[in-house]
Amino acid sequence: MTKFDRNEEINGSDMCRTIEVAMVESSPLPPPPPSPPLKLSFSGDNCEVDELFLPPLNFAMVDNGVFRSGFPDLDNFSFLQSLNLCSIIYLCPEPYPVPNMEFLKSNRIKLFQFGIEGCKEPFVNIPEDKIREALKVVLDVKNHPLLIHCKRGKHRTGCLVGCLRKLQRWCLTSVFDEYQRFAAAKTRVSDQRFMELFDVSSFKNVPMTFSTSKRYK
C-alpha cells in the first residue's frame, strides 16, 4: 500500500475530528499573551467551539494567585471568570465602567481602586503612598486570586509589580527587564527610578506565602 493509499483510507474512515488552532504573530516586545484557551463541547463524534476565552491586553501571571493586564473589556469577561478572581486592583482615577462593575458584582469580585494619573514624562508624579497601599492588598492572600490593571498594563501596573519584585528580592536588572518587556518602546526612566528608590523595609515582616520567586541578590 502506498502512502497515498493510506491517506485515502484514513480520510475515508467513519470518524473524523477537526481542531482549529488560532495562530498569532509573535513580536519581540512586549511578550505576546498566552494563546487563549478554547472552550469545547462534545456531541457524539463531533467537536465544536462554543466560546473563545480572550485575555485582556498585556495579560500575564505575576505569581501564584496574582495576575496583571491592561483594562479588561466585555470580550475578556469569560476569560476573567475562568481565573475565579476574588479581587481587582484598578490603578486609574477614572470611575470603573458600569458593565465592568456589573461583572464584578455578579462574580462577587472586590474592587480596590488607587487612582494614579497616567501622566507622561517629564511631568510624572508617582504617588508612593498609593503604591504602598496597593502593595498591601497584593500581599494579603485573602484577596487572591487577584488581577492588577491600569489602562495598558504598562507603566502604573509595571511600577506596582516592580515594587513587589523588590520585596521578593529580585535584582534591579531583573526588575527592569520585566518592566521593559511590557512597556516596550514606551519605557520611562522615571518609572525605573521610582522602583529603584522604593524602600521595601517597612514590608520586611509581611508574610509572602504565595510567592514562588527564587531570584535573589
N, C-alpha and C. Protein backbone atom coordinates (compact mmCIF):
# COMPACT_ATOMS: atom_id res chain seq x y z
N MET A 1 0.86 -1.21 0.00
CA MET A 1 0.00 0.00 0.00
C MET A 1 0.88 1.24 0.00
N THR A 2 0.61 2.15 -0.91
CA THR A 2 1.42 3.37 -1.00
C THR A 2 0.99 4.36 0.06
N LYS A 3 1.81 5.41 0.21
CA LYS A 3 1.50 6.50 1.15
C LYS A 3 0.18 7.15 0.82
N PHE A 4 -0.10 7.33 -0.47
CA PHE A 4 -1.34 7.98 -0.88
C PHE A 4 -2.54 7.08 -0.62
N ASP A 5 -2.34 5.73 -0.77
CA ASP A 5 -3.42 4.79 -0.48
C ASP A 5 -3.79 4.85 0.99
N ARG A 6 -2.74 4.93 1.88
CA ARG A 6 -3.00 5.01 3.31
C ARG A 6 -3.76 6.29 3.65
N ASN A 7 -3.39 7.42 3.03
CA ASN A 7 -4.08 8.68 3.28
C ASN A 7 -5.55 8.59 2.90
N GLU A 8 -5.82 7.94 1.73
CA GLU A 8 -7.19 7.81 1.29
C GLU A 8 -7.99 6.95 2.25
N GLU A 9 -7.30 5.88 2.80
CA GLU A 9 -8.00 5.01 3.74
C GLU A 9 -8.33 5.74 5.02
N ILE A 10 -7.38 6.58 5.49
CA ILE A 10 -7.61 7.36 6.72
C ILE A 10 -8.71 8.38 6.52
N ASN A 11 -8.64 9.10 5.37
CA ASN A 11 -9.63 10.14 5.09
C ASN A 11 -11.03 9.55 4.90
N GLY A 12 -11.09 8.29 4.56
CA GLY A 12 -12.38 7.67 4.33
C GLY A 12 -12.95 7.02 5.56
N SER A 13 -12.29 7.09 6.68
CA SER A 13 -12.78 6.47 7.91
C SER A 13 -14.06 7.14 8.37
N ASP A 14 -14.80 6.41 9.25
CA ASP A 14 -16.10 6.91 9.70
C ASP A 14 -15.98 8.04 10.69
N MET A 15 -14.85 8.14 11.40
CA MET A 15 -14.71 9.16 12.45
C MET A 15 -13.64 10.15 12.06
N CYS A 16 -13.99 11.40 12.12
CA CYS A 16 -13.03 12.46 11.78
C CYS A 16 -13.29 13.65 12.68
N ARG A 17 -12.25 14.14 13.38
CA ARG A 17 -12.36 15.31 14.24
C ARG A 17 -11.44 16.40 13.74
N THR A 18 -11.95 17.60 13.72
CA THR A 18 -11.16 18.74 13.27
C THR A 18 -10.99 19.71 14.42
N ILE A 19 -9.76 20.07 14.70
CA ILE A 19 -9.47 21.04 15.75
C ILE A 19 -8.84 22.26 15.12
N GLU A 20 -9.47 23.42 15.30
CA GLU A 20 -8.94 24.67 14.75
C GLU A 20 -8.03 25.32 15.78
N VAL A 21 -6.86 25.72 15.36
CA VAL A 21 -5.90 26.37 16.24
C VAL A 21 -5.69 27.79 15.79
N ALA A 22 -5.92 28.74 16.67
CA ALA A 22 -5.73 30.16 16.34
C ALA A 22 -4.25 30.48 16.41
N MET A 23 -3.71 31.08 15.36
CA MET A 23 -2.30 31.45 15.28
C MET A 23 -2.17 32.95 15.47
N VAL A 24 -1.18 33.34 16.26
CA VAL A 24 -0.89 34.75 16.46
C VAL A 24 0.54 35.03 16.09
N GLU A 25 0.79 36.22 15.56
CA GLU A 25 2.15 36.60 15.22
C GLU A 25 2.89 37.03 16.47
N SER A 26 4.10 36.53 16.63
CA SER A 26 4.90 36.90 17.80
C SER A 26 5.65 38.19 17.53
N SER A 27 5.91 38.94 18.58
CA SER A 27 6.69 40.17 18.46
C SER A 27 7.69 40.19 19.59
N PRO A 28 8.84 40.80 19.38
CA PRO A 28 9.88 40.77 20.40
C PRO A 28 9.49 41.46 21.69
N LEU A 29 8.76 42.57 21.63
CA LEU A 29 8.40 43.34 22.82
C LEU A 29 7.03 43.97 22.62
N PRO A 30 6.10 43.91 23.57
CA PRO A 30 6.16 43.09 24.77
C PRO A 30 5.88 41.64 24.43
N PRO A 31 6.08 40.68 25.37
CA PRO A 31 5.81 39.29 25.05
C PRO A 31 4.34 39.08 24.77
N PRO A 32 4.00 38.29 23.76
CA PRO A 32 2.59 38.07 23.45
C PRO A 32 1.91 37.33 24.58
N PRO A 33 0.61 37.61 24.82
CA PRO A 33 -0.10 36.88 25.85
C PRO A 33 -0.21 35.41 25.48
N PRO A 34 -0.40 34.52 26.45
CA PRO A 34 -0.55 33.11 26.13
C PRO A 34 -1.73 32.88 25.22
N SER A 35 -1.62 31.88 24.35
CA SER A 35 -2.71 31.60 23.42
C SER A 35 -3.98 31.33 24.20
N PRO A 36 -5.07 32.05 23.89
CA PRO A 36 -6.31 31.90 24.66
C PRO A 36 -6.87 30.50 24.55
N PRO A 37 -7.25 29.88 25.67
CA PRO A 37 -7.81 28.54 25.61
C PRO A 37 -9.18 28.54 24.97
N LEU A 38 -9.54 27.44 24.37
CA LEU A 38 -10.85 27.32 23.73
C LEU A 38 -11.77 26.47 24.60
N LYS A 39 -12.99 26.92 24.75
CA LYS A 39 -13.99 26.15 25.46
C LYS A 39 -14.68 25.25 24.45
N LEU A 40 -14.57 23.93 24.63
CA LEU A 40 -15.05 22.99 23.65
C LEU A 40 -16.25 22.22 24.19
N SER A 41 -17.18 21.87 23.30
CA SER A 41 -18.29 20.99 23.68
C SER A 41 -18.27 19.78 22.76
N PHE A 42 -18.56 18.62 23.33
CA PHE A 42 -18.51 17.39 22.56
C PHE A 42 -19.92 16.82 22.40
N SER A 43 -20.23 16.44 21.19
CA SER A 43 -21.52 15.82 20.89
C SER A 43 -21.27 14.63 19.98
N GLY A 44 -21.32 13.44 20.54
CA GLY A 44 -21.02 12.26 19.75
C GLY A 44 -19.59 12.30 19.25
N ASP A 45 -19.43 12.21 17.93
CA ASP A 45 -18.10 12.23 17.33
C ASP A 45 -17.68 13.62 16.91
N ASN A 46 -18.51 14.64 17.21
CA ASN A 46 -18.21 15.99 16.77
C ASN A 46 -17.62 16.83 17.89
N CYS A 47 -16.72 17.71 17.53
CA CYS A 47 -16.12 18.64 18.48
C CYS A 47 -16.34 20.05 17.96
N GLU A 48 -17.07 20.87 18.72
CA GLU A 48 -17.41 22.21 18.27
C GLU A 48 -16.89 23.25 19.23
N VAL A 49 -16.46 24.40 18.71
CA VAL A 49 -16.01 25.51 19.54
C VAL A 49 -17.21 26.34 19.97
N ASP A 50 -17.44 26.43 21.29
CA ASP A 50 -18.56 27.20 21.82
C ASP A 50 -18.18 28.66 22.03
N GLU A 51 -16.98 28.88 22.59
CA GLU A 51 -16.67 30.22 23.04
C GLU A 51 -15.16 30.41 23.05
N LEU A 52 -14.70 31.62 22.73
CA LEU A 52 -13.29 31.93 22.75
C LEU A 52 -12.97 32.72 24.01
N PHE A 53 -12.01 32.22 24.81
CA PHE A 53 -11.57 32.92 26.00
C PHE A 53 -10.44 33.86 25.61
N LEU A 54 -10.70 35.16 25.68
CA LEU A 54 -9.74 36.16 25.23
C LEU A 54 -9.17 36.93 26.42
N PRO A 55 -7.86 36.81 26.68
CA PRO A 55 -7.26 37.55 27.80
C PRO A 55 -7.21 39.04 27.50
N PRO A 56 -7.18 39.88 28.54
CA PRO A 56 -7.00 41.32 28.31
C PRO A 56 -5.62 41.62 27.75
N LEU A 57 -5.44 42.82 27.24
CA LEU A 57 -4.16 43.27 26.73
C LEU A 57 -3.08 43.11 27.79
N ASN A 58 -1.91 42.64 27.38
CA ASN A 58 -0.73 42.51 28.26
C ASN A 58 -0.99 41.61 29.47
N PHE A 59 -1.87 40.64 29.33
CA PHE A 59 -2.13 39.74 30.44
C PHE A 59 -0.95 38.82 30.70
N ALA A 60 -0.66 38.61 31.98
CA ALA A 60 0.40 37.68 32.37
C ALA A 60 0.22 37.30 33.83
N MET A 61 0.79 36.18 34.19
CA MET A 61 0.81 35.76 35.59
C MET A 61 2.03 36.37 36.27
N VAL A 62 1.81 36.97 37.44
CA VAL A 62 2.91 37.57 38.21
C VAL A 62 3.47 36.57 39.20
N ASP A 63 2.58 35.91 39.91
CA ASP A 63 2.95 34.92 40.91
C ASP A 63 1.72 34.09 41.20
N ASN A 64 1.83 33.14 42.12
CA ASN A 64 0.67 32.32 42.45
C ASN A 64 -0.49 33.20 42.92
N GLY A 65 -1.59 33.18 42.18
CA GLY A 65 -2.76 33.93 42.57
C GLY A 65 -2.72 35.41 42.25
N VAL A 66 -1.70 35.87 41.52
CA VAL A 66 -1.57 37.29 41.17
C VAL A 66 -1.35 37.42 39.66
N PHE A 67 -2.18 38.25 39.01
CA PHE A 67 -2.10 38.45 37.57
C PHE A 67 -2.02 39.94 37.26
N ARG A 68 -1.64 40.27 36.05
CA ARG A 68 -1.55 41.65 35.60
C ARG A 68 -2.11 41.76 34.18
N SER A 69 -2.57 42.97 33.82
CA SER A 69 -3.09 43.15 32.47
C SER A 69 -3.38 44.61 32.22
N GLY A 70 -3.82 44.89 30.98
CA GLY A 70 -4.40 46.18 30.66
C GLY A 70 -5.87 46.15 31.04
N PHE A 71 -6.61 47.19 30.64
CA PHE A 71 -8.01 47.32 31.04
C PHE A 71 -8.86 46.23 30.37
N PRO A 72 -9.56 45.41 31.15
CA PRO A 72 -10.41 44.37 30.55
C PRO A 72 -11.71 44.95 30.02
N ASP A 73 -12.19 44.44 28.90
CA ASP A 73 -13.48 44.87 28.36
C ASP A 73 -14.41 43.68 28.27
N LEU A 74 -15.56 43.87 27.63
CA LEU A 74 -16.59 42.84 27.58
C LEU A 74 -16.07 41.53 27.00
N ASP A 75 -15.21 41.61 26.00
CA ASP A 75 -14.69 40.40 25.35
C ASP A 75 -13.81 39.58 26.28
N ASN A 76 -13.35 40.17 27.37
CA ASN A 76 -12.43 39.49 28.28
C ASN A 76 -13.13 38.87 29.49
N PHE A 77 -14.41 39.13 29.66
CA PHE A 77 -15.10 38.71 30.88
C PHE A 77 -15.12 37.20 31.06
N SER A 78 -15.33 36.45 29.98
CA SER A 78 -15.35 34.99 30.09
C SER A 78 -13.99 34.47 30.55
N PHE A 79 -12.93 35.07 30.03
CA PHE A 79 -11.59 34.65 30.44
C PHE A 79 -11.37 34.96 31.92
N LEU A 80 -11.77 36.16 32.37
CA LEU A 80 -11.59 36.52 33.77
C LEU A 80 -12.39 35.59 34.68
N GLN A 81 -13.54 35.16 34.24
CA GLN A 81 -14.32 34.22 35.04
C GLN A 81 -13.55 32.93 35.28
N SER A 82 -12.77 32.52 34.30
CA SER A 82 -12.01 31.27 34.43
C SER A 82 -10.91 31.38 35.48
N LEU A 83 -10.53 32.61 35.87
CA LEU A 83 -9.50 32.81 36.88
C LEU A 83 -10.05 32.73 38.30
N ASN A 84 -11.39 32.76 38.45
CA ASN A 84 -12.02 32.73 39.77
C ASN A 84 -11.49 33.85 40.67
N LEU A 85 -11.44 35.06 40.14
CA LEU A 85 -10.87 36.19 40.87
C LEU A 85 -11.67 36.52 42.13
N CYS A 86 -10.92 36.90 43.16
CA CYS A 86 -11.54 37.45 44.38
C CYS A 86 -11.48 38.97 44.37
N SER A 87 -10.42 39.53 43.76
CA SER A 87 -10.20 40.98 43.83
C SER A 87 -9.58 41.50 42.54
N ILE A 88 -9.80 42.80 42.31
CA ILE A 88 -9.14 43.52 41.23
C ILE A 88 -8.56 44.81 41.81
N ILE A 89 -7.30 45.09 41.48
CA ILE A 89 -6.67 46.36 41.82
C ILE A 89 -6.67 47.22 40.56
N TYR A 90 -7.36 48.36 40.64
CA TYR A 90 -7.50 49.26 39.50
C TYR A 90 -6.70 50.52 39.80
N LEU A 91 -5.73 50.84 38.94
CA LEU A 91 -4.77 51.90 39.23
C LEU A 91 -5.03 53.20 38.48
N CYS A 92 -6.24 53.39 37.97
CA CYS A 92 -6.59 54.62 37.25
C CYS A 92 -7.58 55.44 38.08
N PRO A 93 -7.60 56.77 37.89
CA PRO A 93 -8.52 57.61 38.66
C PRO A 93 -9.94 57.64 38.12
N GLU A 94 -10.13 57.27 36.86
CA GLU A 94 -11.45 57.33 36.25
C GLU A 94 -12.40 56.30 36.89
N PRO A 95 -13.70 56.61 36.96
CA PRO A 95 -14.67 55.65 37.50
C PRO A 95 -14.67 54.35 36.69
N TYR A 96 -14.90 53.26 37.39
CA TYR A 96 -14.98 51.97 36.71
C TYR A 96 -16.25 51.94 35.86
N PRO A 97 -16.16 51.49 34.61
CA PRO A 97 -17.35 51.47 33.74
C PRO A 97 -18.47 50.61 34.33
N VAL A 98 -19.69 50.98 34.02
CA VAL A 98 -20.85 50.27 34.54
C VAL A 98 -20.84 48.78 34.17
N PRO A 99 -20.55 48.40 32.91
CA PRO A 99 -20.53 46.96 32.59
C PRO A 99 -19.50 46.20 33.42
N ASN A 100 -18.35 46.83 33.68
CA ASN A 100 -17.33 46.18 34.49
C ASN A 100 -17.78 46.02 35.93
N MET A 101 -18.45 47.05 36.46
CA MET A 101 -18.96 46.97 37.83
C MET A 101 -20.02 45.87 37.95
N GLU A 102 -20.85 45.75 36.94
CA GLU A 102 -21.87 44.70 36.97
C GLU A 102 -21.23 43.32 36.92
N PHE A 103 -20.16 43.21 36.14
CA PHE A 103 -19.43 41.93 36.09
C PHE A 103 -18.84 41.59 37.45
N LEU A 104 -18.25 42.59 38.14
CA LEU A 104 -17.68 42.35 39.46
C LEU A 104 -18.75 41.90 40.45
N LYS A 105 -19.89 42.58 40.43
CA LYS A 105 -20.96 42.25 41.36
C LYS A 105 -21.51 40.85 41.12
N SER A 106 -21.70 40.51 39.87
CA SER A 106 -22.27 39.19 39.54
C SER A 106 -21.30 38.06 39.87
N ASN A 107 -20.01 38.37 39.93
CA ASN A 107 -19.00 37.34 40.24
C ASN A 107 -18.37 37.52 41.62
N ARG A 108 -18.95 38.42 42.42
CA ARG A 108 -18.50 38.66 43.79
C ARG A 108 -17.01 38.97 43.86
N ILE A 109 -16.58 39.87 42.99
CA ILE A 109 -15.18 40.30 42.94
C ILE A 109 -15.07 41.68 43.58
N LYS A 110 -14.14 41.83 44.50
CA LYS A 110 -13.97 43.09 45.21
C LYS A 110 -13.05 44.01 44.41
N LEU A 111 -13.41 45.29 44.34
CA LEU A 111 -12.61 46.27 43.60
C LEU A 111 -11.84 47.16 44.58
N PHE A 112 -10.52 47.23 44.37
CA PHE A 112 -9.66 48.16 45.10
C PHE A 112 -9.15 49.18 44.09
N GLN A 113 -9.54 50.43 44.24
CA GLN A 113 -9.12 51.46 43.30
C GLN A 113 -8.12 52.41 43.95
N PHE A 114 -6.97 52.57 43.28
CA PHE A 114 -5.94 53.51 43.70
C PHE A 114 -5.67 54.41 42.51
N GLY A 115 -6.33 55.56 42.48
CA GLY A 115 -6.28 56.45 41.32
C GLY A 115 -4.93 57.12 41.13
N ILE A 116 -4.20 56.68 40.14
CA ILE A 116 -2.90 57.26 39.80
C ILE A 116 -3.01 57.86 38.39
N GLU A 117 -2.73 59.13 38.28
CA GLU A 117 -2.81 59.80 36.97
C GLU A 117 -1.81 59.20 35.99
N GLY A 118 -2.26 59.01 34.76
CA GLY A 118 -1.39 58.46 33.73
C GLY A 118 -0.62 59.54 33.00
N CYS A 119 0.25 60.25 33.72
CA CYS A 119 1.00 61.37 33.13
C CYS A 119 2.18 60.87 32.32
N LYS A 120 2.62 61.72 31.41
CA LYS A 120 3.78 61.41 30.59
C LYS A 120 4.98 62.23 31.04
N GLU A 121 6.17 61.68 30.76
CA GLU A 121 7.40 62.41 31.11
C GLU A 121 7.45 63.72 30.33
N PRO A 122 8.04 64.80 30.89
CA PRO A 122 8.72 64.82 32.20
C PRO A 122 7.79 65.16 33.36
N PHE A 123 6.46 65.16 33.12
CA PHE A 123 5.52 65.53 34.17
C PHE A 123 4.94 64.27 34.80
N VAL A 124 5.79 63.52 35.48
CA VAL A 124 5.38 62.25 36.07
C VAL A 124 5.49 62.35 37.58
N ASN A 125 4.39 62.07 38.26
CA ASN A 125 4.39 62.08 39.72
C ASN A 125 3.75 60.80 40.20
N ILE A 126 4.57 59.82 40.56
CA ILE A 126 4.05 58.54 41.01
C ILE A 126 3.84 58.62 42.52
N PRO A 127 2.59 58.58 42.97
CA PRO A 127 2.32 58.71 44.42
C PRO A 127 2.74 57.45 45.18
N GLU A 128 3.80 57.58 45.95
CA GLU A 128 4.33 56.42 46.67
C GLU A 128 3.33 55.86 47.67
N ASP A 129 2.52 56.72 48.29
CA ASP A 129 1.58 56.25 49.29
C ASP A 129 0.54 55.30 48.67
N LYS A 130 0.10 55.59 47.44
CA LYS A 130 -0.88 54.74 46.80
C LYS A 130 -0.26 53.41 46.37
N ILE A 131 0.98 53.46 45.92
CA ILE A 131 1.67 52.22 45.57
C ILE A 131 1.82 51.34 46.81
N ARG A 132 2.13 51.95 47.94
CA ARG A 132 2.28 51.18 49.18
C ARG A 132 0.96 50.55 49.61
N GLU A 133 -0.13 51.31 49.52
CA GLU A 133 -1.43 50.78 49.90
C GLU A 133 -1.86 49.65 48.96
N ALA A 134 -1.59 49.82 47.68
CA ALA A 134 -1.92 48.77 46.71
C ALA A 134 -1.08 47.53 46.96
N LEU A 135 0.17 47.72 47.33
CA LEU A 135 1.06 46.59 47.60
C LEU A 135 0.55 45.78 48.80
N LYS A 136 0.00 46.46 49.80
CA LYS A 136 -0.56 45.75 50.95
C LYS A 136 -1.71 44.83 50.52
N VAL A 137 -2.52 45.31 49.58
CA VAL A 137 -3.63 44.49 49.07
C VAL A 137 -3.08 43.26 48.35
N VAL A 138 -2.04 43.46 47.54
CA VAL A 138 -1.43 42.35 46.80
C VAL A 138 -0.88 41.30 47.76
N LEU A 139 -0.28 41.73 48.85
CA LEU A 139 0.39 40.82 49.77
C LEU A 139 -0.58 40.04 50.66
N ASP A 140 -1.82 40.48 50.72
CA ASP A 140 -2.81 39.81 51.54
C ASP A 140 -3.44 38.66 50.75
N VAL A 141 -3.10 37.44 51.12
CA VAL A 141 -3.57 36.27 50.35
C VAL A 141 -5.09 36.12 50.39
N LYS A 142 -5.75 36.79 51.33
CA LYS A 142 -7.21 36.73 51.38
C LYS A 142 -7.83 37.39 50.15
N ASN A 143 -7.05 38.22 49.46
CA ASN A 143 -7.54 38.89 48.26
C ASN A 143 -7.26 38.11 46.98
N HIS A 144 -6.63 36.97 47.10
CA HIS A 144 -6.26 36.18 45.93
C HIS A 144 -7.37 35.18 45.57
N PRO A 145 -7.44 34.83 44.28
CA PRO A 145 -6.72 35.33 43.10
C PRO A 145 -7.05 36.80 42.83
N LEU A 146 -6.06 37.51 42.34
CA LEU A 146 -6.15 38.96 42.20
C LEU A 146 -5.58 39.41 40.87
N LEU A 147 -6.23 40.41 40.25
CA LEU A 147 -5.75 41.00 38.99
C LEU A 147 -5.38 42.45 39.21
N ILE A 148 -4.18 42.83 38.78
CA ILE A 148 -3.72 44.22 38.82
C ILE A 148 -3.84 44.78 37.40
N HIS A 149 -4.47 45.93 37.25
CA HIS A 149 -4.52 46.51 35.91
C HIS A 149 -4.65 48.02 35.96
N CYS A 150 -4.18 48.65 34.90
CA CYS A 150 -4.38 50.08 34.67
C CYS A 150 -5.03 50.20 33.30
N LYS A 151 -4.56 51.10 32.45
CA LYS A 151 -5.16 51.23 31.13
C LYS A 151 -4.54 50.27 30.14
N ARG A 152 -3.20 50.30 30.05
CA ARG A 152 -2.49 49.45 29.10
C ARG A 152 -1.70 48.33 29.76
N GLY A 153 -1.63 48.34 31.07
CA GLY A 153 -0.86 47.32 31.77
C GLY A 153 0.63 47.51 31.64
N LYS A 154 1.05 48.78 31.45
CA LYS A 154 2.47 49.06 31.23
C LYS A 154 3.12 49.81 32.39
N HIS A 155 2.77 51.09 32.57
CA HIS A 155 3.52 51.95 33.49
C HIS A 155 3.06 51.83 34.94
N ARG A 156 1.79 52.14 35.21
CA ARG A 156 1.31 52.07 36.59
C ARG A 156 1.33 50.63 37.10
N THR A 157 0.84 49.72 36.30
CA THR A 157 0.90 48.30 36.67
C THR A 157 2.34 47.84 36.80
N GLY A 158 3.19 48.30 35.87
CA GLY A 158 4.60 47.92 35.90
C GLY A 158 5.32 48.40 37.15
N CYS A 159 4.97 49.61 37.62
CA CYS A 159 5.60 50.14 38.83
C CYS A 159 5.19 49.32 40.06
N LEU A 160 3.91 48.97 40.15
CA LEU A 160 3.45 48.19 41.30
C LEU A 160 4.09 46.80 41.30
N VAL A 161 4.11 46.18 40.14
CA VAL A 161 4.73 44.85 40.06
C VAL A 161 6.23 44.94 40.34
N GLY A 162 6.87 46.00 39.85
CA GLY A 162 8.30 46.18 40.10
C GLY A 162 8.61 46.32 41.58
N CYS A 163 7.75 47.02 42.32
CA CYS A 163 7.95 47.16 43.77
C CYS A 163 7.73 45.82 44.47
N LEU A 164 6.77 45.05 43.98
CA LEU A 164 6.58 43.70 44.52
C LEU A 164 7.83 42.86 44.28
N ARG A 165 8.42 42.98 43.11
CA ARG A 165 9.63 42.20 42.80
C ARG A 165 10.78 42.59 43.73
N LYS A 166 10.89 43.86 44.06
CA LYS A 166 11.93 44.27 45.00
C LYS A 166 11.71 43.61 46.36
N LEU A 167 10.45 43.54 46.76
CA LEU A 167 10.13 42.88 48.02
C LEU A 167 10.45 41.38 47.95
N GLN A 168 10.34 40.82 46.76
CA GLN A 168 10.69 39.42 46.55
C GLN A 168 12.20 39.23 46.34
N ARG A 169 12.92 40.33 46.49
CA ARG A 169 14.39 40.36 46.44
C ARG A 169 14.93 40.03 45.05
N TRP A 170 14.20 40.45 44.02
CA TRP A 170 14.75 40.37 42.67
C TRP A 170 15.82 41.44 42.55
N CYS A 171 16.85 41.17 41.78
CA CYS A 171 17.85 42.19 41.49
C CYS A 171 17.24 43.23 40.55
N LEU A 172 17.77 44.46 40.57
CA LEU A 172 17.20 45.53 39.76
C LEU A 172 17.24 45.21 38.27
N THR A 173 18.25 44.51 37.84
CA THR A 173 18.34 44.15 36.42
C THR A 173 17.13 43.34 35.99
N SER A 174 16.72 42.37 36.83
CA SER A 174 15.55 41.55 36.52
C SER A 174 14.27 42.35 36.63
N VAL A 175 14.20 43.25 37.61
CA VAL A 175 13.02 44.10 37.78
C VAL A 175 12.82 44.97 36.54
N PHE A 176 13.90 45.61 36.09
CA PHE A 176 13.82 46.50 34.92
C PHE A 176 13.54 45.71 33.65
N ASP A 177 14.09 44.52 33.55
CA ASP A 177 13.87 43.70 32.36
C ASP A 177 12.39 43.35 32.22
N GLU A 178 11.76 42.96 33.32
CA GLU A 178 10.33 42.64 33.27
C GLU A 178 9.51 43.88 32.92
N TYR A 179 9.83 45.01 33.55
CA TYR A 179 9.12 46.26 33.26
C TYR A 179 9.23 46.62 31.78
N GLN A 180 10.44 46.52 31.22
CA GLN A 180 10.69 46.92 29.84
C GLN A 180 10.00 46.00 28.85
N ARG A 181 9.83 44.73 29.20
CA ARG A 181 9.16 43.79 28.28
C ARG A 181 7.70 44.16 28.08
N PHE A 182 7.08 44.78 29.07
CA PHE A 182 5.69 45.19 28.92
C PHE A 182 5.57 46.62 28.42
N ALA A 183 6.47 47.51 28.84
CA ALA A 183 6.42 48.92 28.41
C ALA A 183 6.93 49.09 27.00
N ALA A 184 7.83 48.22 26.57
CA ALA A 184 8.38 48.24 25.21
C ALA A 184 8.98 49.61 24.88
N ALA A 185 8.55 50.20 23.76
CA ALA A 185 9.12 51.47 23.30
C ALA A 185 8.73 52.63 24.21
N LYS A 186 7.74 52.42 25.08
CA LYS A 186 7.28 53.49 25.96
C LYS A 186 7.89 53.40 27.37
N THR A 187 9.03 52.75 27.47
CA THR A 187 9.73 52.65 28.75
C THR A 187 10.05 54.05 29.30
N ARG A 188 9.82 54.26 30.58
CA ARG A 188 10.05 55.56 31.20
C ARG A 188 11.17 55.46 32.23
N VAL A 189 12.12 56.35 32.11
CA VAL A 189 13.22 56.41 33.07
C VAL A 189 12.68 56.73 34.45
N SER A 190 11.66 57.58 34.52
CA SER A 190 11.10 57.98 35.82
C SER A 190 10.48 56.79 36.56
N ASP A 191 9.85 55.88 35.81
CA ASP A 191 9.29 54.68 36.44
C ASP A 191 10.39 53.83 37.04
N GLN A 192 11.45 53.64 36.28
CA GLN A 192 12.55 52.80 36.75
C GLN A 192 13.26 53.44 37.94
N ARG A 193 13.35 54.76 37.91
CA ARG A 193 13.95 55.47 39.03
C ARG A 193 13.10 55.31 40.29
N PHE A 194 11.77 55.37 40.11
CA PHE A 194 10.86 55.19 41.24
C PHE A 194 11.04 53.80 41.86
N MET A 195 11.09 52.77 41.02
CA MET A 195 11.26 51.41 41.52
C MET A 195 12.61 51.24 42.21
N GLU A 196 13.64 51.86 41.66
CA GLU A 196 14.97 51.76 42.24
C GLU A 196 15.02 52.35 43.65
N LEU A 197 14.34 53.48 43.85
CA LEU A 197 14.39 54.19 45.14
C LEU A 197 13.31 53.71 46.12
N PHE A 198 12.39 52.88 45.67
CA PHE A 198 11.29 52.45 46.54
C PHE A 198 11.84 51.64 47.71
N ASP A 199 11.50 52.06 48.91
CA ASP A 199 12.01 51.44 50.14
C ASP A 199 11.03 50.34 50.60
N VAL A 200 11.49 49.10 50.60
CA VAL A 200 10.63 47.97 50.98
C VAL A 200 10.84 47.56 52.43
N SER A 201 11.65 48.30 53.17
CA SER A 201 11.99 47.89 54.54
C SER A 201 10.76 47.77 55.44
N SER A 202 9.74 48.60 55.19
CA SER A 202 8.55 48.56 56.04
C SER A 202 7.71 47.30 55.80
N PHE A 203 8.01 46.55 54.73
CA PHE A 203 7.27 45.32 54.43
C PHE A 203 8.05 44.06 54.82
N LYS A 204 9.17 44.22 55.48
CA LYS A 204 10.05 43.09 55.76
C LYS A 204 9.36 41.98 56.54
N ASN A 205 8.44 42.34 57.43
CA ASN A 205 7.80 41.34 58.29
C ASN A 205 6.48 40.82 57.72
N VAL A 206 6.17 41.23 56.51
CA VAL A 206 4.92 40.78 55.89
C VAL A 206 5.12 39.38 55.31
N PRO A 207 4.29 38.39 55.72
CA PRO A 207 4.44 37.04 55.16
C PRO A 207 4.09 37.01 53.69
N MET A 208 4.83 36.22 52.93
CA MET A 208 4.59 36.11 51.49
C MET A 208 4.48 34.64 51.11
N THR A 209 3.50 33.98 51.67
CA THR A 209 3.36 32.55 51.47
C THR A 209 2.97 32.20 50.03
N PHE A 210 2.44 33.17 49.29
CA PHE A 210 2.01 32.89 47.92
C PHE A 210 3.18 32.90 46.95
N SER A 211 4.33 33.43 47.37
CA SER A 211 5.43 33.65 46.44
C SER A 211 6.21 32.38 46.16
N THR A 212 6.57 32.22 44.89
CA THR A 212 7.45 31.12 44.49
C THR A 212 8.73 31.68 43.88
N SER A 213 8.94 32.97 44.06
CA SER A 213 10.09 33.62 43.43
C SER A 213 11.39 33.11 44.03
N LYS A 214 12.40 32.86 43.17
CA LYS A 214 13.70 32.36 43.60
C LYS A 214 14.83 33.28 43.15
N ARG A 215 14.49 34.49 42.69
CA ARG A 215 15.53 35.39 42.20
C ARG A 215 15.98 36.31 43.34
N TYR A 216 17.11 36.00 43.89
CA TYR A 216 17.65 36.79 44.98
C TYR A 216 18.91 37.51 44.56
N LYS A 217 19.29 38.51 45.33
CA LYS A 217 20.53 39.21 45.05
C LYS A 217 21.71 38.30 45.30
